[in-house]
Each structure stands twice: as structure tokens, then as C-alpha cells.
Amino acid sequence: MRLQQEKDEFDFGYTMITEYDGLHSEMMMDFGVLKLDSTMSFTDEREQLERVYLLMYGEVEFTYDNEVVAAKRDSYLNENIWCLNVPQGVKVSIKGIAEDSEIAIMRTENETIFPSIVRCEGNVVNEVRGKGFMNEAGTRIVRTAQDVKLSPQSNLMLGEDVHYPGKWSGFPSHSHEQPEIYFYKFYPKNGFGLLKHGDEGVLLEHNDTMKIMPNKVHPQVTAPGYAMYYIWVIRHLENNPYIKPTFEEEHLWVEQPGAKYWPEI
């Protein structure tokens, strides 16, 4: 299900998109965007939940656990991921420094107490995936900040994909039992993409959010000329964390060595 923004840009302040215990609660997590200028600050009142704060762009200052940490990111396309993960019970305040900063905020229930951690540079995984397959149709940048290996105590797995113009991700088509949220940005902003969600085709535009429902396949593509960035966040299930997807076997042949994509004459 596509959760479309009414306009291209967010208002300053916090915009709620899904709620763990309210609207779209079937996703089992909060997802929203915090937009700050240099005069603004924000204190998160949802201390009863585990939280992840992912800086998309701008410059801000985080205060938590008696620590003050500055974070700066000029480009979500070209620069590494930066996020803060804290357990329940930790007070977090964010102060705007740049004239325009956006932070994606993700929250969910988790009774496990673990050390708060900033994930960036050396403790995240950066990859270029899709090389050498499908005539490079799926070549893209994947940044993983949290998964069962990097953050075994967290209930959230998350990262970013950056599509080069005209490229695919999520193909061969795959699905998983855990709910997932995608949040999109395009460069230039009038770009668009398309996603196959189960048997439904979905238009993707700048600042859209997509609910990926359990067991629905979800491959996607961006239009030529337009780079597509998206945050992906998966909520682990109790005794069933996300480890790997289930692929549609009918499409697996496209990644086989020597696969023929055009009939020989």
C-alpha cells in the first residue's frame, strides 16, 4: 500500500506516517520524518520503544546517555549512512544546526536493553550489488546499517538502496514474512519509479512511503535519467527474524551464468 505525501516537501516538525500502536499498526513500527531548521529542537517522547534515527541530509546534534554527538550529511545519494540506535528508556533530543535537515525516525517494541550505538563508516556494510548479472540491470548501491549480524539485539533491520537511473532492485522477485517499509526520494525530484507489490503495480514518487506486506513480492525499478533512493526497514518477528528472502523460482534463471536474454537467430 502506497502512503502518498500530499506535496513534494515535508513541513517543519515531525510528520507521522505509521504508528506502532495506531495508524497502520500492522507494520508493527513507527515511521516518520523529522524536519528541522537551525532554530528548532525535538525531544522524542516515545521512550518506551526502541528507536533508530537516520539522518538523510543536513546537520544536527543528538543528546542521549549524557553524550552530545554531532551528525552531518550533505547527500543521501553520495555519502555513507548515519544513524543512531537506542533501546527503550533512553531520552533522545535533537537540535537543528543546518537550515534544513531531515531525519527518518523508526520505533518499535523491544524489551531487550543494549548499549546505544551510532552506526556509520566502519560499522555498516556498503556494497555494489547486481554486477555481472542481467546485463547490469540491477546494479545499485546497498548500505546496511542493521541486521541479525550487525545488531542482534535490535528488532529492526534497516538500510538504504541507491538506484542508478533505469536500474532495478528486488529482482529476481522475492518476499518475506516480516513487514517492511520503503521510503523514497528521487533525483531530480520530479522522477518516478514503479514497484510490483504482489499482483499490483504501484507508482513511486518523491517522499512516498510504501507498506510492504508480508509474503508479497516487491521488485522495483526507477525511470531512466532519475536516481532513486529509498530507506528500507524490516520489523523482525518474535522467534522469526529476517535472515534471507524467499525467491520466486520462475525468475531465478536470470542470474544464472550464461543466461540468454534474447532469442538466438
Protein backbone atom coordinates (compact mmCIF):
# COMPACT_ATOMS: atom_id res chain seq x y z
CA MET A 1 0.00 0.00 0.00
CA ARG A 2 1.35 3.39 -1.05
CA LEU A 3 1.18 6.19 1.53
CA GLN A 4 1.50 9.26 -0.69
CA GLN A 5 2.54 12.70 0.53
CA GLU A 6 0.15 15.50 -0.42
CA LYS A 7 3.05 17.72 -1.54
CA ASP A 8 6.68 17.36 -2.53
CA GLU A 9 8.22 18.54 0.74
CA PHE A 10 7.55 17.89 4.43
CA ASP A 11 6.50 20.62 6.84
CA PHE A 12 8.99 21.51 9.56
CA GLY A 13 8.50 19.40 12.67
CA TYR A 14 7.63 15.70 12.90
CA THR A 15 5.37 14.05 10.31
CA MET A 16 3.97 10.72 11.45
CA ILE A 17 3.49 8.17 8.65
CA THR A 18 2.89 4.89 10.50
CA GLU A 19 2.31 4.22 14.20
CA TYR A 20 3.26 1.14 16.19
CA ASP A 21 0.06 1.41 18.25
CA GLY A 22 -2.14 3.46 15.93
CA LEU A 23 -2.47 4.18 12.20
CA HIS A 24 -1.03 1.34 10.09
CA SER A 25 -0.18 -0.63 13.24
CA GLU A 26 0.02 -3.83 11.16
CA MET A 27 3.56 -2.68 10.27
CA MET A 28 4.49 -3.10 13.97
CA MET A 29 6.58 0.08 13.98
CA ASP A 30 6.52 3.85 13.94
CA PHE A 31 7.89 5.51 10.83
CA GLY A 32 8.04 9.27 10.37
CA VAL A 33 10.16 12.16 9.13
CA LEU A 34 11.53 14.93 11.34
CA LYS A 35 12.38 18.19 9.54
CA LEU A 36 14.36 20.82 11.47
CA ASP A 37 15.86 24.24 10.81
CA SER A 38 18.65 25.87 12.81
CA THR A 39 16.25 27.32 15.41
CA MET A 40 14.41 24.08 16.18
CA SER A 41 14.85 21.15 18.55
CA PHE A 42 12.93 17.94 19.16
CA THR A 43 12.69 15.64 22.18
CA ASP A 44 11.35 12.16 21.45
CA GLU A 45 8.54 11.30 23.86
CA ARG A 46 8.32 7.63 22.80
CA GLU A 47 10.97 6.44 25.26
CA GLN A 48 9.11 3.17 25.85
CA LEU A 49 10.19 1.95 22.40
CA GLU A 50 13.47 1.03 20.72
CA ARG A 51 14.37 3.81 18.27
CA VAL A 52 16.54 4.44 15.22
CA TYR A 53 17.25 7.95 13.92
CA LEU A 54 18.61 8.03 10.35
CA LEU A 55 19.97 11.35 9.09
CA MET A 56 19.04 11.73 5.42
CA TYR A 57 20.64 15.14 4.97
CA GLY A 58 21.58 18.26 6.92
CA GLU A 59 23.40 18.82 10.19
CA VAL A 60 22.03 18.14 13.68
CA GLU A 61 23.16 17.47 17.23
CA PHE A 62 21.97 14.46 19.24
CA THR A 63 21.88 14.36 23.05
CA TYR A 64 21.45 10.94 24.69
CA ASP A 65 23.03 8.89 27.51
CA ASN A 66 24.86 12.05 28.69
CA GLU A 67 26.51 12.19 25.26
CA VAL A 68 26.37 15.01 22.71
CA VAL A 69 27.07 13.84 19.15
CA ALA A 70 27.08 15.98 16.01
CA ALA A 71 25.97 14.45 12.70
CA LYS A 72 26.34 15.97 9.24
CA ARG A 73 25.39 14.59 5.85
CA ASP A 74 25.20 16.62 2.66
CA SER A 75 23.94 13.93 0.27
CA TYR A 76 21.96 10.73 0.75
CA LEU A 77 22.99 9.70 -2.76
CA ASN A 78 26.75 10.04 -2.40
CA GLU A 79 27.56 9.83 1.33
CA ASN A 80 27.54 6.92 3.76
CA ILE A 81 24.62 6.17 6.03
CA TRP A 82 24.49 7.72 9.53
CA CYS A 83 22.07 6.55 12.19
CA LEU A 84 21.65 6.24 15.95
CA ASN A 85 20.05 3.17 17.58
CA VAL A 86 18.91 3.37 21.22
CA PRO A 87 16.97 0.95 23.44
CA GLN A 88 13.83 1.73 25.40
CA GLY A 89 14.27 4.11 28.33
CA VAL A 90 16.90 6.35 26.72
CA LYS A 91 15.95 10.02 26.36
CA VAL A 92 16.92 11.50 22.99
CA SER A 93 16.90 15.16 22.00
CA ILE A 94 17.82 16.52 18.55
CA LYS A 95 18.89 20.09 17.83
CA GLY A 96 18.90 21.51 14.32
CA ILE A 97 22.13 23.14 13.15
CA ALA A 98 21.67 23.46 9.36
CA GLU A 99 18.84 25.48 7.85
CA ASP A 100 17.24 22.27 6.57
CA SER A 101 17.75 18.76 7.96
CA GLU A 102 15.63 15.62 7.63
CA ILE A 103 15.79 12.58 9.90
CA ALA A 104 13.81 9.36 9.43
CA ILE A 105 12.62 8.06 12.80
CA MET A 106 11.78 4.39 13.30
CA ARG A 107 10.48 2.92 16.56
CA THR A 108 9.23 -0.47 17.74
CA GLU A 109 8.67 -2.55 20.85
CA ASN A 110 11.78 -4.23 22.26
CA GLU A 111 12.31 -5.19 25.90
CA THR A 112 16.00 -6.01 25.37
CA ILE A 113 18.37 -3.42 26.80
CA PHE A 114 21.53 -2.84 24.76
CA PRO A 115 24.15 -0.06 24.50
CA SER A 116 23.17 2.91 22.36
CA ILE A 117 25.24 2.98 19.18
CA VAL A 118 25.95 5.27 16.25
CA ARG A 119 26.17 3.33 13.00
CA CYS A 120 28.29 4.90 10.27
CA GLU A 121 31.52 4.40 8.34
CA GLY A 122 33.28 1.33 9.79
CA ASN A 123 30.33 -0.41 11.44
CA VAL A 124 27.94 -0.52 8.45
CA VAL A 125 28.16 -2.61 5.28
CA ASN A 126 28.41 -0.88 1.88
CA GLU A 127 28.04 -2.92 -1.30
CA VAL A 128 27.52 -2.55 -5.02
CA ARG A 129 25.11 -5.33 -5.89
CA GLY A 130 23.98 -6.73 -9.22
CA LYS A 131 27.27 -6.56 -11.10
CA GLY A 132 27.69 -9.19 -13.80
CA PHE A 133 24.02 -10.23 -13.98
CA MET A 134 21.01 -9.30 -16.10
CA ASN A 135 23.10 -7.04 -18.37
CA GLU A 136 23.76 -4.85 -15.28
CA ALA A 137 20.02 -4.06 -15.00
CA GLY A 138 20.17 -4.48 -11.20
CA THR A 139 23.44 -2.68 -10.41
CA ARG A 140 22.92 -0.46 -7.36
CA ILE A 141 24.41 0.71 -4.05
CA VAL A 142 23.22 -1.05 -0.87
CA ARG A 143 24.07 0.27 2.59
CA THR A 144 23.12 -2.00 5.51
CA ALA A 145 23.13 -0.39 8.96
CA GLN A 146 21.39 -3.12 10.97
CA ASP A 147 20.68 -6.82 10.51
CA VAL A 148 20.85 -10.00 12.60
CA LYS A 149 24.66 -9.98 12.45
CA LEU A 150 25.35 -6.26 12.93
CA SER A 151 22.66 -5.66 15.59
CA PRO A 152 21.41 -8.99 17.01
CA GLN A 153 19.66 -7.27 19.95
CA SER A 154 17.58 -4.95 17.78
CA ASN A 155 14.08 -5.67 16.49
CA LEU A 156 14.74 -3.55 13.39
CA MET A 157 16.74 -4.33 10.26
CA LEU A 158 17.38 -1.33 8.05
CA GLY A 159 19.49 0.33 5.42
CA GLU A 160 19.42 2.27 2.17
CA ASP A 161 19.40 1.45 -1.55
CA VAL A 162 20.52 3.90 -4.22
CA HIS A 163 19.37 3.04 -7.74
CA TYR A 164 21.29 4.31 -10.70
CA PRO A 165 18.83 5.66 -13.31
CA GLY A 166 16.87 2.92 -15.05
CA LYS A 167 18.02 0.16 -12.67
CA TRP A 168 16.12 -2.49 -10.69
CA SER A 169 16.27 -3.90 -7.17
CA GLY A 170 14.48 -6.80 -5.53
CA PHE A 171 14.74 -8.92 -8.67
CA PRO A 172 14.56 -11.88 -9.05
CA SER A 173 11.28 -11.27 -7.21
CA HIS A 174 11.37 -12.09 -3.51
CA SER A 175 9.16 -11.94 -0.44
CA HIS A 176 9.42 -12.47 3.32
CA GLU A 177 7.12 -12.98 6.29
CA GLN A 178 8.17 -9.82 8.14
CA PRO A 179 6.51 -6.42 7.46
CA GLU A 180 8.69 -3.83 5.72
CA ILE A 181 8.52 -0.10 4.98
CA TYR A 182 10.11 1.68 2.00
CA PHE A 183 10.59 5.46 1.96
CA TYR A 184 11.63 7.11 -1.33
CA LYS A 185 13.45 10.14 -2.67
CA PHE A 186 14.28 10.89 -6.32
CA TYR A 187 16.93 12.99 -8.02
CA PRO A 188 15.79 15.12 -9.74
CA LYS A 189 12.69 15.36 -7.55
CA ASN A 190 10.23 15.00 -10.44
CA GLY A 191 11.47 11.45 -11.06
CA PHE A 192 9.42 8.33 -10.57
CA GLY A 193 9.69 4.58 -10.25
CA LEU A 194 7.45 1.54 -10.37
CA LEU A 195 7.02 -1.30 -7.89
CA LYS A 196 5.32 -4.67 -8.25
CA HIS A 197 3.64 -5.39 -4.89
CA GLY A 198 2.18 -8.85 -5.19
CA ASP A 199 -0.02 -8.59 -8.28
CA GLU A 200 -0.39 -4.80 -8.00
CA GLY A 201 1.64 -2.18 -9.90
CA VAL A 202 2.45 0.94 -7.82
CA LEU A 203 3.70 4.38 -8.94
CA LEU A 204 6.56 5.70 -6.76
CA GLU A 205 7.31 9.43 -6.40
CA HIS A 206 9.44 11.73 -4.26
CA ASN A 207 8.76 11.36 -0.50
CA ASP A 208 6.37 8.44 -0.97
CA THR A 209 6.16 5.68 1.63
CA MET A 210 5.26 2.10 0.73
CA LYS A 211 3.98 -0.59 3.10
CA ILE A 212 5.40 -3.94 2.00
CA MET A 213 3.01 -6.54 3.33
CA PRO A 214 4.14 -10.00 4.49
CA ASN A 215 4.66 -12.58 1.73
CA LYS A 216 4.16 -10.05 -1.10
CA VAL A 217 6.87 -9.93 -3.78
CA HIS A 218 8.25 -6.41 -4.30
CA PRO A 219 10.73 -5.83 -7.15
CA GLN A 220 11.05 -2.21 -8.34
CA VAL A 221 12.66 0.00 -10.97
CA THR A 222 13.40 3.70 -11.45
CA ALA A 223 12.89 5.63 -14.68
CA PRO A 224 15.85 6.39 -16.96
CA GLY A 225 17.51 9.69 -16.02
CA TYR A 226 16.33 9.58 -12.40
CA ALA A 227 18.25 8.26 -9.41
CA MET A 228 16.05 6.59 -6.78
CA TYR A 229 16.98 6.47 -3.09
CA TYR A 230 15.00 4.54 -0.54
CA ILE A 231 15.20 3.60 3.11
CA TRP A 232 14.14 0.04 3.87
CA VAL A 233 13.22 -1.06 7.38
CA ILE A 234 12.05 -4.55 8.34
CA ARG A 235 10.45 -5.45 11.67
CA HIS A 236 11.76 -8.79 12.94
CA LEU A 237 9.05 -11.13 14.24
CA GLU A 238 9.28 -12.92 17.57
CA ASN A 239 11.28 -16.13 17.04
CA ASN A 240 11.31 -15.33 13.32
CA PRO A 241 13.85 -12.62 12.45
CA TYR A 242 14.53 -11.65 8.85
CA ILE A 243 17.54 -13.63 7.63
CA LYS A 244 17.00 -14.12 3.91
CA PRO A 245 14.13 -13.74 1.42
CA THR A 246 12.09 -16.33 -0.42
CA PHE A 247 12.59 -16.03 -4.19
CA GLU A 248 10.07 -16.77 -6.93
CA GLU A 249 11.73 -19.71 -8.62
CA GLU A 250 10.31 -18.90 -12.05
CA HIS A 251 12.63 -15.88 -12.30
CA LEU A 252 15.84 -17.28 -10.78
CA TRP A 253 17.21 -18.24 -14.21
CA VAL A 254 18.06 -14.58 -14.95
CA GLU A 255 21.04 -14.71 -12.57
CA GLN A 256 22.48 -17.95 -13.89
CA PRO A 257 25.85 -17.77 -15.65
CA GLY A 258 25.38 -17.68 -19.40
CA ALA A 259 21.67 -16.84 -19.21
CA LYS A 260 20.30 -15.83 -22.63
CA TYR A 261 18.08 -12.74 -22.58
CA TRP A 262 17.32 -12.65 -26.31
CA PRO A 263 16.48 -15.50 -28.70
CA GLU A 264 19.30 -16.51 -30.98
CA ILE A 265 18.55 -16.37 -34.71
